[in-house]
Amino acid sequence: MRFVIERGDLLRALGHVASVVEKRTTIPILSNVLLRANAEGLQLKATDLEREVVESVSANVATPGAVTVPAHMLHDIVRKLPDGVQIRIEREPERERVSITAGHARFALQALPADDFPDLAAGQMSHSFEIASGDLKRLIEKTRFAISTEETRYYLNGIYLHPAKTGGTPSLRAVATDGHRLAQFDLPQPAGVDGMPGIIIPRKTVHELYRLIEASDAPVRVEVSPAKVRVEIGPITMTSKLVDGTFPDYGRVIPQSNDKVLEVSSQVFMGAVDRVSTIASERVRAVKLNIAPGKLVLSVNNPDGGSATEEVEAQFSAPAMEIGFNARYLLDISGQLESDSLKFLLSDPGSPTILKDVGDESALYVLMPMRV
């Protein structure tokens, strides 16, 4: 195998695929990236057995072939080479070694056979649809902060993606929850989603997918089976196993009769929460909302650190009430808002509260209160 490739092309592709390679693994070949050169160019593949990322890139291939080399070491070598340099990669005959030449620099890396590299075959996909990269990015942004990290409740360790109806209109809905908060986001249903089984996309896959689409404007093709999801973003294809579990009936925790409405400027509110929560202890990050017509007073009382209060203007027409929330959760939700108006739909100090962006009906958040 022998080919020549421009440093920038190889660095970009390695940056995409090597991110799924674990730094420490008991299976040596999982530390490697598969390089497959043929008449069409170079294909790079990496996997951790849960996710697989493949990218094709143009290269001048003199001798076709395939080999695997340490992914992070190769990435570091290419990253440190000067811009614009041409890199020649060649598998040394009769030896499991790969030579890398760029200008006056030469490296030799230990290699493992390409035939031993695992293949996360996706199999038959039952449903496929196309979605704009911007829409998929928003869908992930609006929900991923609420994904649970508690491994014992593994079925919450991802985003639940499924067809739904929003006001009678078919939609593609994403939901994430950790039991303390819930995030729901709806998009108009793309063609091909109808009848699709609900799937739970794992947390690591969600973060990796967001990273891959962040710099892309290309439409994204999504293919789904009961066990796997495959996403094509231009020359990049990521295949991932799904969380094997049943997502809970989240509709039961979304209140239907919260009739007390509090409306406040999201920027003013977020700033106030951020400031008063400076006093809160790391263990209990509770902030109390004292709500009355025309005003909202936020307060934190930490017996070991002091106290803080701040008053902000608010619209509220119900009888005065007090309710407490985790400050970090409030900031996470406020950070997703696109308009400058945040609406709370409240019931009582012990019941779940709905939060909405006044300028965006597609997103809905539910927050459990705290005792303060």
Protein backbone atom coordinates (compact mmCIF):
# COMPACT_ATOMS: atom_id res chain seq x y z
CA MET A 1 0.00 0.00 0.00
CA ARG A 2 1.34 3.43 -0.94
CA PHE A 3 -0.37 6.80 -1.30
CA VAL A 4 0.24 10.53 -1.04
CA ILE A 5 -2.23 12.89 0.66
CA GLU A 6 -2.34 16.58 1.54
CA ARG A 7 -1.75 17.22 5.24
CA GLY A 8 -4.93 19.29 5.76
CA ASP A 9 -7.20 16.62 4.22
CA LEU A 10 -5.71 13.86 6.36
CA LEU A 11 -5.77 15.94 9.55
CA ARG A 12 -9.43 16.85 9.11
CA ALA A 13 -10.46 13.22 8.47
CA LEU A 14 -8.38 11.91 11.37
CA GLY A 15 -9.95 14.51 13.65
CA HIS A 16 -13.39 13.15 12.77
CA VAL A 17 -12.71 9.41 13.09
CA ALA A 18 -10.11 9.30 15.90
CA SER A 19 -12.50 10.90 18.40
CA VAL A 20 -14.32 7.58 18.86
CA VAL A 21 -11.06 5.78 19.69
CA GLU A 22 -10.69 5.20 23.43
CA LYS A 23 -7.42 6.39 24.99
CA ARG A 24 -7.17 3.17 26.97
CA THR A 25 -8.46 -0.18 25.75
CA THR A 26 -7.69 -3.82 26.49
CA ILE A 27 -8.11 -4.72 22.79
CA PRO A 28 -5.04 -3.35 20.96
CA ILE A 29 -6.62 -3.04 17.52
CA LEU A 30 -9.32 -0.72 18.91
CA SER A 31 -6.55 1.85 19.46
CA ASN A 32 -5.94 1.85 15.71
CA VAL A 33 -7.48 3.51 12.68
CA LEU A 34 -8.03 1.47 9.53
CA LEU A 35 -6.54 3.04 6.40
CA ARG A 36 -7.90 1.56 3.16
CA ALA A 37 -6.47 2.96 -0.09
CA ASN A 38 -8.01 2.20 -3.48
CA ALA A 39 -8.66 3.81 -6.85
CA GLU A 40 -11.31 6.11 -5.31
CA GLY A 41 -8.96 7.53 -2.66
CA LEU A 42 -8.47 6.86 1.06
CA GLN A 43 -11.05 5.57 3.51
CA LEU A 44 -10.47 5.92 7.27
CA LYS A 45 -12.40 3.90 9.83
CA ALA A 46 -12.33 3.85 13.65
CA THR A 47 -14.54 2.15 16.24
CA ASP A 48 -14.98 1.45 19.95
CA LEU A 49 -17.40 -1.45 19.20
CA GLU A 50 -20.35 0.78 20.16
CA ARG A 51 -19.78 3.44 17.49
CA GLU A 52 -18.03 3.39 14.14
CA VAL A 53 -17.00 6.45 12.10
CA VAL A 54 -15.95 6.14 8.45
CA GLU A 55 -14.73 8.98 6.23
CA SER A 56 -13.56 9.04 2.64
CA VAL A 57 -10.99 11.57 1.46
CA SER A 58 -9.17 12.17 -1.81
CA ALA A 59 -5.62 10.82 -2.11
CA ASN A 60 -3.16 9.93 -4.85
CA VAL A 61 -3.01 6.13 -4.52
CA ALA A 62 -0.06 4.41 -6.18
CA THR A 63 -0.59 0.95 -4.65
CA PRO A 64 -3.97 -0.08 -3.17
CA GLY A 65 -4.06 -1.84 0.17
CA ALA A 66 -5.17 -1.63 3.78
CA VAL A 67 -3.53 -1.49 7.20
CA THR A 68 -4.26 -0.28 10.74
CA VAL A 69 -2.03 2.09 12.75
CA PRO A 70 -2.34 3.78 16.17
CA ALA A 71 -5.02 6.46 15.70
CA HIS A 72 -3.98 9.08 18.26
CA MET A 73 -0.28 8.76 17.44
CA LEU A 74 -0.94 9.23 13.72
CA HIS A 75 -3.21 12.20 14.49
CA ASP A 76 -0.49 13.82 16.63
CA ILE A 77 2.14 13.30 13.93
CA VAL A 78 -0.02 14.86 11.21
CA ARG A 79 -1.10 17.71 13.51
CA LYS A 80 2.54 18.70 14.14
CA LEU A 81 3.55 18.69 10.47
CA PRO A 82 3.66 22.04 8.62
CA ASP A 83 0.62 23.30 6.71
CA GLY A 84 0.35 22.33 3.05
CA VAL A 85 2.90 19.52 3.18
CA GLN A 86 2.33 16.36 1.13
CA ILE A 87 2.42 13.19 3.23
CA ARG A 88 3.48 9.83 1.80
CA ILE A 89 2.25 6.77 3.68
CA GLU A 90 3.58 3.36 2.75
CA ARG A 91 3.23 -0.08 4.23
CA GLU A 92 6.62 -1.74 4.43
CA PRO A 93 6.56 -5.10 2.63
CA GLU A 94 7.10 -8.22 4.73
CA ARG A 95 6.76 -6.21 7.95
CA GLU A 96 3.80 -4.94 9.98
CA ARG A 97 5.13 -1.39 9.87
CA VAL A 98 4.00 1.77 8.15
CA SER A 99 6.35 4.55 7.11
CA ILE A 100 5.19 8.18 7.03
CA THR A 101 7.27 10.70 5.11
CA ALA A 102 6.67 14.47 4.95
CA GLY A 103 9.46 16.73 3.74
CA HIS A 104 12.57 15.83 5.74
CA ALA A 105 10.55 14.11 8.51
CA ARG A 106 10.13 10.34 8.55
CA PHE A 107 8.24 8.18 11.00
CA ALA A 108 7.70 4.43 11.29
CA LEU A 109 4.66 3.07 13.16
CA GLN A 110 3.81 -0.44 14.26
CA ALA A 111 0.78 -1.77 12.41
CA LEU A 112 -1.81 -4.50 12.83
CA PRO A 113 -3.50 -6.43 9.99
CA ALA A 114 -6.54 -4.82 8.40
CA ASP A 115 -8.35 -8.19 8.36
CA ASP A 116 -8.44 -8.16 12.16
CA PHE A 117 -10.23 -4.80 12.33
CA PRO A 118 -13.83 -5.15 13.60
CA ASP A 119 -16.74 -4.17 11.38
CA LEU A 120 -19.85 -2.72 13.03
CA ALA A 121 -22.12 -3.91 10.24
CA ALA A 122 -25.37 -1.97 10.36
CA GLY A 123 -27.49 -4.65 8.69
CA GLN A 124 -30.92 -3.97 7.26
CA MET A 125 -32.34 -0.53 8.09
CA SER A 126 -36.13 -0.34 8.33
CA HIS A 127 -36.58 3.45 8.07
CA SER A 128 -34.61 6.34 6.59
CA PHE A 129 -35.14 10.08 6.37
CA GLU A 130 -33.28 13.26 5.49
CA ILE A 131 -32.98 16.22 7.83
CA ALA A 132 -31.24 19.59 7.54
CA SER A 133 -28.02 19.72 9.56
CA GLY A 134 -29.23 22.91 11.26
CA ASP A 135 -32.44 21.20 12.40
CA LEU A 136 -30.56 18.18 13.75
CA LYS A 137 -28.13 20.47 15.53
CA ARG A 138 -30.99 22.36 17.23
CA LEU A 139 -32.69 19.11 18.19
CA ILE A 140 -29.54 17.95 19.98
CA GLU A 141 -28.79 21.35 21.54
CA LYS A 142 -32.27 21.69 23.01
CA THR A 143 -32.28 18.29 24.73
CA ARG A 144 -28.84 16.82 25.38
CA PHE A 145 -28.19 18.75 28.61
CA ALA A 146 -30.99 16.73 30.29
CA ILE A 147 -29.55 13.29 29.42
CA SER A 148 -28.98 11.21 32.54
CA THR A 149 -25.46 10.12 33.47
CA GLU A 150 -26.69 7.59 36.03
CA GLU A 151 -25.60 4.22 34.67
CA THR A 152 -28.11 2.21 36.73
CA ARG A 153 -30.95 3.86 34.80
CA TYR A 154 -29.27 3.10 31.48
CA TYR A 155 -32.48 3.62 29.49
CA LEU A 156 -32.22 7.36 30.31
CA ASN A 157 -28.61 7.60 29.04
CA GLY A 158 -29.57 9.05 25.67
CA ILE A 159 -32.04 11.03 23.58
CA TYR A 160 -35.34 9.32 22.81
CA LEU A 161 -36.18 10.04 19.15
CA HIS A 162 -39.60 9.06 17.85
CA PRO A 163 -42.54 10.17 15.69
CA ALA A 164 -45.20 12.15 17.58
CA LYS A 165 -47.99 14.67 17.08
CA THR A 166 -47.80 18.33 18.02
CA GLY A 167 -51.23 19.91 18.07
CA GLY A 168 -52.41 17.19 15.68
CA THR A 169 -49.50 17.80 13.26
CA PRO A 170 -47.00 14.93 12.74
CA SER A 171 -43.59 15.73 14.21
CA LEU A 172 -40.20 14.22 14.95
CA ARG A 173 -39.74 14.50 18.71
CA ALA A 174 -36.61 14.30 20.85
CA VAL A 175 -36.89 13.81 24.62
CA ALA A 176 -34.24 13.56 27.33
CA THR A 177 -34.63 13.33 31.09
CA ASP A 178 -32.59 12.51 34.17
CA GLY A 179 -35.57 12.27 36.52
CA HIS A 180 -35.09 15.83 37.82
CA ARG A 181 -35.68 17.68 34.55
CA LEU A 182 -37.06 16.89 31.13
CA ALA A 183 -36.38 18.48 27.75
CA GLN A 184 -38.66 17.98 24.74
CA PHE A 185 -38.19 19.38 21.24
CA ASP A 186 -40.34 18.92 18.13
CA LEU A 187 -39.54 19.33 14.44
CA PRO A 188 -41.93 19.01 11.48
CA GLN A 189 -41.89 15.33 10.59
CA PRO A 190 -39.52 14.53 7.69
CA ALA A 191 -40.67 12.10 5.00
CA GLY A 192 -39.84 8.53 6.03
CA VAL A 193 -40.29 8.99 9.80
CA ASP A 194 -43.91 7.80 9.92
CA GLY A 195 -44.06 4.36 11.55
CA MET A 196 -40.44 4.51 12.70
CA PRO A 197 -39.82 2.73 16.03
CA GLY A 198 -38.80 4.95 18.93
CA ILE A 199 -35.04 4.77 19.44
CA ILE A 200 -32.70 5.83 22.27
CA ILE A 201 -29.49 7.31 20.86
CA PRO A 202 -26.68 6.88 23.43
CA ARG A 203 -25.17 9.92 25.14
CA LYS A 204 -21.69 9.43 23.63
CA THR A 205 -23.18 9.08 20.16
CA VAL A 206 -25.23 12.25 20.65
CA HIS A 207 -22.14 14.27 21.58
CA GLU A 208 -20.10 12.78 18.74
CA LEU A 209 -22.88 13.43 16.23
CA TYR A 210 -23.17 17.05 17.35
CA ARG A 211 -19.44 17.51 16.86
CA LEU A 212 -19.60 16.07 13.34
CA ILE A 213 -22.53 18.21 12.18
CA GLU A 214 -21.32 21.42 13.87
CA ALA A 215 -19.25 22.49 10.86
CA SER A 216 -21.48 20.99 8.16
CA ASP A 217 -24.24 22.56 6.10
CA ALA A 218 -24.95 19.39 4.12
CA PRO A 219 -28.29 17.58 4.56
CA VAL A 220 -28.03 14.64 6.95
CA ARG A 221 -29.36 11.19 6.09
CA VAL A 222 -30.50 9.08 9.04
CA GLU A 223 -31.21 5.35 8.79
CA VAL A 224 -32.75 3.42 11.66
CA SER A 225 -33.19 -0.22 12.68
CA PRO A 226 -34.40 -1.57 16.04
CA ALA A 227 -30.77 -2.02 17.16
CA LYS A 228 -28.68 0.59 15.30
CA VAL A 229 -28.68 4.05 13.78
CA ARG A 230 -26.56 5.15 10.82
CA VAL A 231 -25.99 8.83 10.03
CA GLU A 232 -24.43 10.11 6.79
CA ILE A 233 -23.00 13.64 6.83
CA GLY A 234 -21.35 14.33 3.47
CA PRO A 235 -18.29 12.01 3.25
CA ILE A 236 -18.68 10.89 6.90
CA THR A 237 -20.78 7.92 8.02
CA MET A 238 -21.33 7.12 11.68
CA THR A 239 -22.96 3.89 12.79
CA SER A 240 -23.94 3.37 16.41
CA LYS A 241 -25.66 0.78 18.54
CA LEU A 242 -28.80 2.02 20.29
CA VAL A 243 -29.58 1.86 24.00
CA ASP A 244 -31.31 -1.49 24.48
CA GLY A 245 -34.12 -0.48 26.78
CA THR A 246 -37.59 1.08 27.02
CA PHE A 247 -37.84 4.81 27.51
CA PRO A 248 -40.40 5.67 30.23
CA ASP A 249 -43.81 7.17 29.48
CA TYR A 250 -42.56 10.74 29.78
CA GLY A 251 -46.01 12.18 29.01
CA ARG A 252 -47.15 11.27 32.51
CA VAL A 253 -44.71 13.72 34.12
CA ILE A 254 -45.67 16.69 31.94
CA PRO A 255 -48.28 18.67 33.93
CA GLN A 256 -51.52 19.45 32.09
CA SER A 257 -53.19 21.88 34.51
CA ASN A 258 -50.49 24.32 35.65
CA ASP A 259 -52.46 27.59 35.52
CA LYS A 260 -50.19 30.09 37.29
CA VAL A 261 -48.14 31.95 34.66
CA LEU A 262 -44.87 33.76 35.42
CA GLU A 263 -43.17 35.63 32.57
CA VAL A 264 -39.70 37.13 32.90
CA SER A 265 -36.85 38.35 30.69
CA SER A 266 -34.64 35.30 30.09
CA GLN A 267 -31.40 37.34 30.03
CA VAL A 268 -32.25 39.25 33.20
CA PHE A 269 -33.39 36.05 34.94
CA MET A 270 -30.31 34.07 33.88
CA GLY A 271 -28.00 36.81 35.09
CA ALA A 272 -29.78 37.00 38.45
CA VAL A 273 -29.69 33.22 38.95
CA ASP A 274 -26.00 33.15 38.07
CA ARG A 275 -25.19 35.91 40.54
CA VAL A 276 -27.16 34.69 43.58
CA SER A 277 -26.09 31.06 43.07
CA THR A 278 -22.47 32.14 43.67
CA ILE A 279 -23.32 31.85 47.37
CA ALA A 280 -24.89 28.38 47.06
CA SER A 281 -23.03 25.34 48.32
CA GLU A 282 -21.66 22.86 45.80
CA ARG A 283 -23.78 20.09 47.31
CA VAL A 284 -27.11 21.92 47.37
CA ARG A 285 -27.38 24.45 44.56
CA ALA A 286 -30.90 25.57 45.43
CA VAL A 287 -32.27 29.01 44.60
CA LYS A 288 -35.63 30.18 45.99
CA LEU A 289 -38.08 32.11 43.81
CA ASN A 290 -40.41 34.37 45.77
CA ILE A 291 -43.06 35.26 43.20
CA ALA A 292 -45.57 38.08 43.57
CA PRO A 293 -47.53 40.26 41.11
CA GLY A 294 -45.07 42.49 39.24
CA LYS A 295 -41.89 41.16 40.81
CA LEU A 296 -39.72 38.12 41.39
CA VAL A 297 -37.16 37.88 44.19
CA LEU A 298 -34.42 35.26 43.87
CA SER A 299 -32.59 34.26 47.02
CA VAL A 300 -29.96 31.81 48.22
CA ASN A 301 -29.17 31.10 51.86
CA ASN A 302 -26.04 29.11 52.64
CA PRO A 303 -25.38 28.70 56.39
CA ASP A 304 -21.67 28.20 55.65
CA GLY A 305 -21.24 30.87 52.97
CA GLY A 306 -23.74 33.68 53.50
CA SER A 307 -26.83 34.79 51.61
CA ALA A 308 -27.83 36.63 48.44
CA THR A 309 -31.02 38.17 47.02
CA GLU A 310 -31.89 39.93 43.80
CA GLU A 311 -35.19 41.35 42.59
CA VAL A 312 -36.22 41.36 38.93
CA GLU A 313 -39.34 42.57 37.12
CA ALA A 314 -41.84 39.89 36.22
CA GLN A 315 -45.41 39.42 35.07
CA PHE A 316 -47.48 37.33 37.48
CA SER A 317 -51.19 37.65 38.28
CA ALA A 318 -51.79 34.74 40.68
CA PRO A 319 -51.47 34.81 44.49
CA ALA A 320 -47.89 35.10 45.78
CA MET A 321 -45.95 31.84 46.15
CA GLU A 322 -42.47 30.51 46.88
CA ILE A 323 -40.76 27.67 45.02
CA GLY A 324 -37.18 26.39 44.84
CA PHE A 325 -35.14 24.99 41.94
CA ASN A 326 -31.64 23.74 41.28
CA ALA A 327 -29.73 26.79 40.01
CA ARG A 328 -27.66 24.76 37.55
CA TYR A 329 -30.81 23.31 35.98
CA LEU A 330 -32.35 26.78 35.62
CA LEU A 331 -29.21 28.06 33.88
CA ASP A 332 -29.09 25.02 31.56
CA ILE A 333 -32.66 25.66 30.41
CA SER A 334 -32.26 29.44 30.18
CA GLY A 335 -29.23 28.90 27.95
CA GLN A 336 -31.41 27.15 25.34
CA LEU A 337 -33.83 30.07 24.89
CA GLU A 338 -33.89 31.96 21.60
CA SER A 339 -36.18 34.83 22.60
CA ASP A 340 -35.83 37.18 25.57
CA SER A 341 -38.92 35.96 27.33
CA LEU A 342 -39.17 32.91 29.59
CA LYS A 343 -42.53 31.57 30.72
CA PHE A 344 -43.07 29.44 33.86
CA LEU A 345 -46.32 27.44 34.15
CA LEU A 346 -46.68 26.70 37.87
CA SER A 347 -49.04 24.75 40.08
CA ASP A 348 -47.72 24.64 43.66
CA PRO A 349 -44.30 24.53 45.41
CA GLY A 350 -44.20 20.73 45.38
CA SER A 351 -45.30 19.99 41.81
CA PRO A 352 -43.38 19.89 38.48
CA THR A 353 -43.13 23.21 36.64
CA ILE A 354 -43.21 23.76 32.87
CA LEU A 355 -40.78 26.24 31.32
CA LYS A 356 -41.20 27.55 27.77
CA ASP A 357 -39.47 29.93 25.42
CA VAL A 358 -42.19 32.47 24.56
CA GLY A 359 -40.76 32.81 21.05
CA ASP A 360 -40.39 29.07 20.37
CA GLU A 361 -43.32 26.70 20.81
CA SER A 362 -41.30 23.69 19.60
CA ALA A 363 -39.39 23.35 22.88
CA LEU A 364 -40.78 22.42 26.29
CA TYR A 365 -38.98 21.85 29.59
CA VAL A 366 -40.19 20.31 32.86
CA LEU A 367 -38.37 20.93 36.14
CA MET A 368 -38.91 19.28 39.50
CA PRO A 369 -38.84 21.75 42.41
CA MET A 370 -36.50 21.55 45.43
CA ARG A 371 -37.19 22.20 49.08
CA VAL A 372 -35.57 25.46 50.19
